[in-house]
C-alpha cells in the first residue's frame, strides 16, 4: 500500500513511521535550565550520526499546544545535555520520566533517580546508566513548527567499568548492558537479548 505523507495528518504519519522504524534506541536526556532545575526525559527519535566528529542526533517534537518541551528549551538556552542509555533495570524509571511534568519539577528528585556530576557539562548524568554521553550542541535545526533536530557533539563518554572489555581498543560488552529500545504503539519496548551475527562479505 502506498502512503502519500503530504496527504496524511501528523498523527497518521507518526503511527506509520514509529510502527516501522524499529527498534529505536532510547536517549534518556538530562538537561538543566537557566533556573538550574534539572530535567530528565526519554526520546526514541535518536541515533549516532558518526564518529569524526562524534555526533548524536535527537528529534524533539513540540507539545500538542505547540510549545517547546523542557528538554529543548534547556538545550537551546544552555547548549548542553547528557544522553544516557537505558538498561532493562532502568526501564521503569525511564518510563516514569516520560510524563509531561511542569517546568518547575526536578524529574530526578521527583522520581528518585540517583545522579552523578558530569565532567565537561552542567547537566548531571544518571548514575545507573550503562553509558552516558556528555554533549554540547553542534546545531539546532528547525525542521518545521513542531520539530527540532538537535545535533550534539560528544565531549565525554562514560561507560560503567564492568562493561569495558578492552579500553585501548574500544571494545565493550554490549549484550551485558541489557539495553532496551522503543518499538511500535503505546508502551511497546524491546530487550536486546535475541541477537544474530552476520559478517560483511569480504
C-alpha atoms as a PDB file:
ATOM      1  CA  UNK A   1       0.000   0.000   0.000  1.00  0.00           C
ATOM      2  CA  UNK A   2       1.248   3.477  -0.861  1.00  0.00           C
ATOM      3  CA  UNK A   3       1.086   6.326   1.661  1.00  0.00           C
ATOM      4  CA  UNK A   4       1.481   9.900   0.435  1.00  0.00           C
ATOM      5  CA  UNK A   5       2.839  11.653   3.505  1.00  0.00           C
ATOM      6  CA  UNK A   6       1.696  15.099   2.371  1.00  0.00           C
ATOM      7  CA  UNK A   7      -1.902  13.881   2.416  1.00  0.00           C
ATOM      8  CA  UNK A   8      -1.805  12.426   5.942  1.00  0.00           C
ATOM      9  CA  UNK A   9      -2.225  14.014   9.347  1.00  0.00           C
ATOM     10  CA  UNK A  10       0.769  14.249  11.666  1.00  0.00           C
ATOM     11  CA  UNK A  11      -0.756  11.598  13.935  1.00  0.00           C
ATOM     12  CA  UNK A  12      -1.209   9.221  10.991  1.00  0.00           C
ATOM     13  CA  UNK A  13       2.388   9.742   9.832  1.00  0.00           C
ATOM     14  CA  UNK A  14       3.599   9.205  13.389  1.00  0.00           C
ATOM     15  CA  UNK A  15       1.798   5.881  13.710  1.00  0.00           C
ATOM     16  CA  UNK A  16       3.120   4.620  10.383  1.00  0.00           C
ATOM     17  CA  UNK A  17       6.713   5.658  10.997  1.00  0.00           C
ATOM     18  CA  UNK A  18       7.010   4.546  14.608  1.00  0.00           C
ATOM     19  CA  UNK A  19       5.420   1.195  13.709  1.00  0.00           C
ATOM     20  CA  UNK A  20       8.015   0.530  11.032  1.00  0.00           C
ATOM     21  CA  UNK A  21      11.254   2.245  12.081  1.00  0.00           C
ATOM     22  CA  UNK A  22      12.029  -0.157  14.918  1.00  0.00           C
ATOM     23  CA  UNK A  23      13.714  -0.875  17.197  1.00  0.00           C
ATOM     24  CA  UNK A  24      14.880   2.613  18.072  1.00  0.00           C
ATOM     25  CA  UNK A  25      17.484   3.299  20.782  1.00  0.00           C
ATOM     26  CA  UNK A  26      16.345   5.490  23.650  1.00  0.00           C
ATOM     27  CA  UNK A  27      18.126   8.683  24.623  1.00  0.00           C
ATOM     28  CA  UNK A  28      17.359   9.387  28.293  1.00  0.00           C
ATOM     29  CA  UNK A  29      18.320  13.040  28.188  1.00  0.00           C
ATOM     30  CA  UNK A  30      19.283  15.069  31.227  1.00  0.00           C
ATOM     31  CA  UNK A  31      19.441  18.833  30.932  1.00  0.00           C
ATOM     32  CA  UNK A  32      19.463  21.912  33.135  1.00  0.00           C
ATOM     33  CA  UNK A  33      17.632  25.163  32.535  1.00  0.00           C
ATOM     34  CA  UNK A  34      18.684  28.710  33.278  1.00  0.00           C
ATOM     35  CA  UNK A  35      16.999  28.336  36.659  1.00  0.00           C
ATOM     36  CA  UNK A  36      19.259  25.329  37.494  1.00  0.00           C
ATOM     37  CA  UNK A  37      16.276  22.962  37.558  1.00  0.00           C
ATOM     38  CA  UNK A  38      17.226  19.508  36.335  1.00  0.00           C
ATOM     39  CA  UNK A  39      15.178  17.740  33.692  1.00  0.00           C
ATOM     40  CA  UNK A  40      15.157  14.098  32.582  1.00  0.00           C
ATOM     41  CA  UNK A  41      13.127  12.802  29.649  1.00  0.00           C
ATOM     42  CA  UNK A  42      13.339   9.895  27.171  1.00  0.00           C
ATOM     43  CA  UNK A  43      13.360  10.258  23.387  1.00  0.00           C
ATOM     44  CA  UNK A  44      13.398   7.495  20.792  1.00  0.00           C
ATOM     45  CA  UNK A  45      13.970   9.638  17.706  1.00  0.00           C
ATOM     46  CA  UNK A  46      17.654   9.200  18.388  1.00  0.00           C
ATOM     47  CA  UNK A  47      20.847   7.725  16.983  1.00  0.00           C
ATOM     48  CA  UNK A  48      24.532   8.346  16.338  1.00  0.00           C
ATOM     49  CA  UNK A  49      25.430  10.090  13.091  1.00  0.00           C
ATOM     50  CA  UNK A  50      29.158   9.434  13.048  1.00  0.00           C
ATOM     51  CA  UNK A  51      32.395   9.393  14.999  1.00  0.00           C
ATOM     52  CA  UNK A  52      34.521  12.024  13.217  1.00  0.00           C
ATOM     53  CA  UNK A  53      33.311  14.232  14.798  1.00  0.00           C
ATOM     54  CA  UNK A  54      31.324  12.234  17.385  1.00  0.00           C
ATOM     55  CA  UNK A  55      27.747  13.365  16.729  1.00  0.00           C
ATOM     56  CA  UNK A  56      24.447  12.215  18.202  1.00  0.00           C
ATOM     57  CA  UNK A  57      21.112  13.275  16.709  1.00  0.00           C
ATOM     58  CA  UNK A  58      17.810  13.813  18.505  1.00  0.00           C
ATOM     59  CA  UNK A  59      14.429  14.658  17.043  1.00  0.00           C
ATOM     60  CA  UNK A  60      12.422  16.707  19.545  1.00  0.00           C
ATOM     61  CA  UNK A  61       8.736  17.255  18.865  1.00  0.00           C
ATOM     62  CA  UNK A  62       6.812  20.129  20.407  1.00  0.00           C
ATOM     63  CA  UNK A  63       3.947  19.617  22.810  1.00  0.00           C
ATOM     64  CA  UNK A  64       0.423  19.302  21.400  1.00  0.00           C
ATOM     65  CA  UNK A  65      -0.127  23.019  22.039  1.00  0.00           C
ATOM     66  CA  UNK A  66       2.977  23.900  20.007  1.00  0.00           C
ATOM     67  CA  UNK A  67       5.223  24.916  22.911  1.00  0.00           C
ATOM     68  CA  UNK A  68       8.743  23.547  23.258  1.00  0.00           C
ATOM     69  CA  UNK A  69       9.285  20.714  25.699  1.00  0.00           C
ATOM     70  CA  UNK A  70      11.552  21.452  28.664  1.00  0.00           C
ATOM     71  CA  UNK A  71      14.416  19.431  27.164  1.00  0.00           C
ATOM     72  CA  UNK A  72      14.528  21.554  24.020  1.00  0.00           C
ATOM     73  CA  UNK A  73      14.104  24.792  25.964  1.00  0.00           C
ATOM     74  CA  UNK A  74      17.026  23.843  28.207  1.00  0.00           C
ATOM     75  CA  UNK A  75      19.274  22.771  25.333  1.00  0.00           C
ATOM     76  CA  UNK A  76      18.502  25.954  23.411  1.00  0.00           C
ATOM     77  CA  UNK A  77      19.279  28.068  26.477  1.00  0.00           C
ATOM     78  CA  UNK A  78      22.488  26.348  27.614  1.00  0.00           C
ATOM     79  CA  UNK A  79      23.831  24.348  24.668  1.00  0.00           C
ATOM     80  CA  UNK A  80      24.427  21.332  26.914  1.00  0.00           C
ATOM     81  CA  UNK A  81      22.872  17.918  27.511  1.00  0.00           C
ATOM     82  CA  UNK A  82      23.725  14.408  28.638  1.00  0.00           C
ATOM     83  CA  UNK A  83      22.423  11.407  26.697  1.00  0.00           C
ATOM     84  CA  UNK A  84      22.079   8.362  28.939  1.00  0.00           C
ATOM     85  CA  UNK A  85      21.328   4.911  27.545  1.00  0.00           C
ATOM     86  CA  UNK A  86      18.622   2.795  29.171  1.00  0.00           C
ATOM     87  CA  UNK A  87      19.091  -0.689  30.625  1.00  0.00           C
ATOM     88  CA  UNK A  88      16.293  -3.108  31.492  1.00  0.00           C
ATOM     89  CA  UNK A  89      16.851  -2.246  35.157  1.00  0.00           C
ATOM     90  CA  UNK A  90      16.161   1.442  34.445  1.00  0.00           C
ATOM     91  CA  UNK A  91      13.180   0.921  32.135  1.00  0.00           C
ATOM     92  CA  UNK A  92      10.501   1.681  34.739  1.00  0.00           C
ATOM     93  CA  UNK A  93      12.263   4.831  35.951  1.00  0.00           C
ATOM     94  CA  UNK A  94      12.785   5.977  32.362  1.00  0.00           C
ATOM     95  CA  UNK A  95       9.107   5.423  31.641  1.00  0.00           C
ATOM     96  CA  UNK A  96       8.132   7.491  34.689  1.00  0.00           C
ATOM     97  CA  UNK A  97      10.129  10.472  33.393  1.00  0.00           C
ATOM     98  CA  UNK A  98       8.126  10.366  30.151  1.00  0.00           C
ATOM     99  CA  UNK A  99       5.327  12.232  31.950  1.00  0.00           C
ATOM    100  CA  UNK A 100       4.834  15.845  30.896  1.00  0.00           C
ATOM    101  CA  UNK A 101       5.904  17.357  34.205  1.00  0.00           C
ATOM    102  CA  UNK A 102       5.541  21.061  34.884  1.00  0.00           C
ATOM    103  CA  UNK A 103       8.729  23.039  34.127  1.00  0.00           C
ATOM    104  CA  UNK A 104       9.367  23.699  37.830  1.00  0.00           C
ATOM    105  CA  UNK A 105       9.572  19.953  38.655  1.00  0.00           C
ATOM    106  CA  UNK A 106      13.006  18.374  39.072  1.00  0.00           C
ATOM    107  CA  UNK A 107      12.365  14.949  37.493  1.00  0.00           C
ATOM    108  CA  UNK A 108      15.461  13.351  39.001  1.00  0.00           C
ATOM    109  CA  UNK A 109      14.372  14.280  42.513  1.00  0.00           C
ATOM    110  CA  UNK A 110      10.681  13.614  41.917  1.00  0.00           C
ATOM    111  CA  UNK A 111      11.326  10.125  40.505  1.00  0.00           C
ATOM    112  CA  UNK A 112      14.100   9.252  42.984  1.00  0.00           C
ATOM    113  CA  UNK A 113      16.771   8.810  40.317  1.00  0.00           C
ATOM    114  CA  UNK A 114      20.375   8.806  41.514  1.00  0.00           C
ATOM    115  CA  UNK A 115      22.747  11.003  39.551  1.00  0.00           C
ATOM    116  CA  UNK A 116      26.434  11.840  39.251  1.00  0.00           C
ATOM    117  CA  UNK A 117      28.085  15.129  38.308  1.00  0.00           C
ATOM    118  CA  UNK A 118      29.336  15.427  34.759  1.00  0.00           C
ATOM    119  CA  UNK A 119      32.927  16.335  33.903  1.00  0.00           C
ATOM    120  CA  UNK A 120      32.505  18.733  30.984  1.00  0.00           C
ATOM    121  CA  UNK A 121      28.906  19.986  31.121  1.00  0.00           C
ATOM    122  CA  UNK A 122      26.473  21.189  33.777  1.00  0.00           C
ATOM    123  CA  UNK A 123      23.664  18.607  33.407  1.00  0.00           C
ATOM    124  CA  UNK A 124      24.214  15.545  35.590  1.00  0.00           C
ATOM    125  CA  UNK A 125      24.387  12.013  34.284  1.00  0.00           C
ATOM    126  CA  UNK A 126      22.181   9.201  35.519  1.00  0.00           C
ATOM    127  CA  UNK A 127      24.209   7.066  37.918  1.00  0.00           C
ATOM    128  CA  UNK A 128      22.723   3.719  36.893  1.00  0.00           C
ATOM    129  CA  UNK A 129      23.016   4.265  33.133  1.00  0.00           C
ATOM    130  CA  UNK A 130      25.453   1.824  31.500  1.00  0.00           C
ATOM    131  CA  UNK A 131      26.612   4.582  29.129  1.00  0.00           C
ATOM    132  CA  UNK A 132      26.349   8.371  29.329  1.00  0.00           C
ATOM    133  CA  UNK A 133      27.426  10.902  26.707  1.00  0.00           C
ATOM    134  CA  UNK A 134      28.191  14.438  27.864  1.00  0.00           C
ATOM    135  CA  UNK A 135      27.348  16.668  24.905  1.00  0.00           C
ATOM    136  CA  UNK A 136      27.424  20.218  23.654  1.00  0.00           C
ATOM    137  CA  UNK A 137      25.047  21.369  20.962  1.00  0.00           C
ATOM    138  CA  UNK A 138      26.544  21.468  17.487  1.00  0.00           C
ATOM    139  CA  UNK A 139      23.401  22.577  15.638  1.00  0.00           C
ATOM    140  CA  UNK A 140      19.716  23.103  16.294  1.00  0.00           C
ATOM    141  CA  UNK A 141      17.797  22.606  13.058  1.00  0.00           C
ATOM    142  CA  UNK A 142      14.189  23.752  12.988  1.00  0.00           C
ATOM    143  CA  UNK A 143      12.521  21.384  10.537  1.00  0.00           C
ATOM    144  CA  UNK A 144       9.095  22.940  10.994  1.00  0.00           C
ATOM    145  CA  UNK A 145       6.909  24.472  13.673  1.00  0.00           C
ATOM    146  CA  UNK A 146       6.723  21.201  15.635  1.00  0.00           C
ATOM    147  CA  UNK A 147      10.090  19.501  15.105  1.00  0.00           C
ATOM    148  CA  UNK A 148      13.628  20.481  16.028  1.00  0.00           C
ATOM    149  CA  UNK A 149      16.593  18.243  15.247  1.00  0.00           C
ATOM    150  CA  UNK A 150      19.433  18.516  17.740  1.00  0.00           C
ATOM    151  CA  UNK A 151      22.924  17.606  16.556  1.00  0.00           C
ATOM    152  CA  UNK A 152      25.050  17.175  19.660  1.00  0.00           C
ATOM    153  CA  UNK A 153      28.800  16.719  19.775  1.00  0.00           C
ATOM    154  CA  UNK A 154      30.023  14.251  22.388  1.00  0.00           C
ATOM    155  CA  UNK A 155      32.661  15.729  24.689  1.00  0.00           C
ATOM    156  CA  UNK A 156      32.978  12.883  27.210  1.00  0.00           C
ATOM    157  CA  UNK A 157      31.658   9.322  27.192  1.00  0.00           C
ATOM    158  CA  UNK A 158      31.236   7.365  30.417  1.00  0.00           C
ATOM    159  CA  UNK A 159      30.915   3.567  30.426  1.00  0.00           C
ATOM    160  CA  UNK A 160      30.376   1.545  33.607  1.00  0.00           C
ATOM    161  CA  UNK A 161      33.641  -0.331  34.244  1.00  0.00           C
ATOM    162  CA  UNK A 162      32.177  -3.834  34.148  1.00  0.00           C
ATOM    163  CA  UNK A 163      31.060  -3.270  30.549  1.00  0.00           C
ATOM    164  CA  UNK A 164      34.559  -2.355  29.296  1.00  0.00           C
ATOM    165  CA  UNK A 165      36.336  -5.344  27.732  1.00  0.00           C
ATOM    166  CA  UNK A 166      39.321  -3.536  26.226  1.00  0.00           C
ATOM    167  CA  UNK A 167      39.562   0.224  26.752  1.00  0.00           C
ATOM    168  CA  UNK A 168      42.539   0.683  24.418  1.00  0.00           C
ATOM    169  CA  UNK A 169      40.726  -0.947  21.504  1.00  0.00           C
ATOM    170  CA  UNK A 170      37.292   0.470  22.364  1.00  0.00           C
ATOM    171  CA  UNK A 171      35.662  -2.928  22.885  1.00  0.00           C
ATOM    172  CA  UNK A 172      32.585  -3.001  25.121  1.00  0.00           C
ATOM    173  CA  UNK A 173      30.391  -5.829  26.396  1.00  0.00           C
ATOM    174  CA  UNK A 174      27.251  -4.502  24.735  1.00  0.00           C
ATOM    175  CA  UNK A 175      25.000  -7.538  25.394  1.00  0.00           C
ATOM    176  CA  UNK A 176      25.742  -7.289  29.132  1.00  0.00           C
ATOM    177  CA  UNK A 177      24.351  -3.736  29.180  1.00  0.00           C
ATOM    178  CA  UNK A 178      20.846  -5.152  28.521  1.00  0.00           C
ATOM    179  CA  UNK A 179      19.779  -2.040  26.662  1.00  0.00           C
ATOM    180  CA  UNK A 180      16.135  -1.543  25.752  1.00  0.00           C
ATOM    181  CA  UNK A 181      14.743   0.046  22.610  1.00  0.00           C
ATOM    182  CA  UNK A 182      11.443   1.528  21.524  1.00  0.00           C
ATOM    183  CA  UNK A 183       9.013  -0.360  19.345  1.00  0.00           C
ATOM    184  CA  UNK A 184       5.590   0.469  17.888  1.00  0.00           C
ATOM    185  CA  UNK A 185       2.457   1.804  19.511  1.00  0.00           C
ATOM    186  CA  UNK A 186       1.888   2.916  23.072  1.00  0.00           C
ATOM    187  CA  UNK A 187       4.052   1.170  25.625  1.00  0.00           C
ATOM    188  CA  UNK A 188       5.954  -1.312  23.461  1.00  0.00           C
ATOM    189  CA  UNK A 189       9.682  -1.817  24.040  1.00  0.00           C
ATOM    190  CA  UNK A 190      12.249  -4.437  23.093  1.00  0.00           C
ATOM    191  CA  UNK A 191      15.072  -6.063  25.032  1.00  0.00           C
ATOM    192  CA  UNK A 192      18.354  -6.596  23.188  1.00  0.00           C
ATOM    193  CA  UNK A 193      18.578 -10.289  24.092  1.00  0.00           C
ATOM    194  CA  UNK A 194      17.848 -12.103  20.819  1.00  0.00           C
ATOM    195  CA  UNK A 195      20.902 -11.420  18.691  1.00  0.00           C
ATOM    196  CA  UNK A 196      22.247 -12.649  15.375  1.00  0.00           C
ATOM    197  CA  UNK A 197      25.649 -12.112  13.796  1.00  0.00           C
ATOM    198  CA  UNK A 198      26.274 -11.774  10.068  1.00  0.00           C
ATOM    199  CA  UNK A 199      29.758 -10.754   8.988  1.00  0.00           C
ATOM    200  CA  UNK A 200      30.024  -8.454   5.941  1.00  0.00           C
ATOM    201  CA  UNK A 201      31.273 -10.107   2.752  1.00  0.00           C
ATOM    202  CA  UNK A 202      34.971  -9.741   2.003  1.00  0.00           C
END
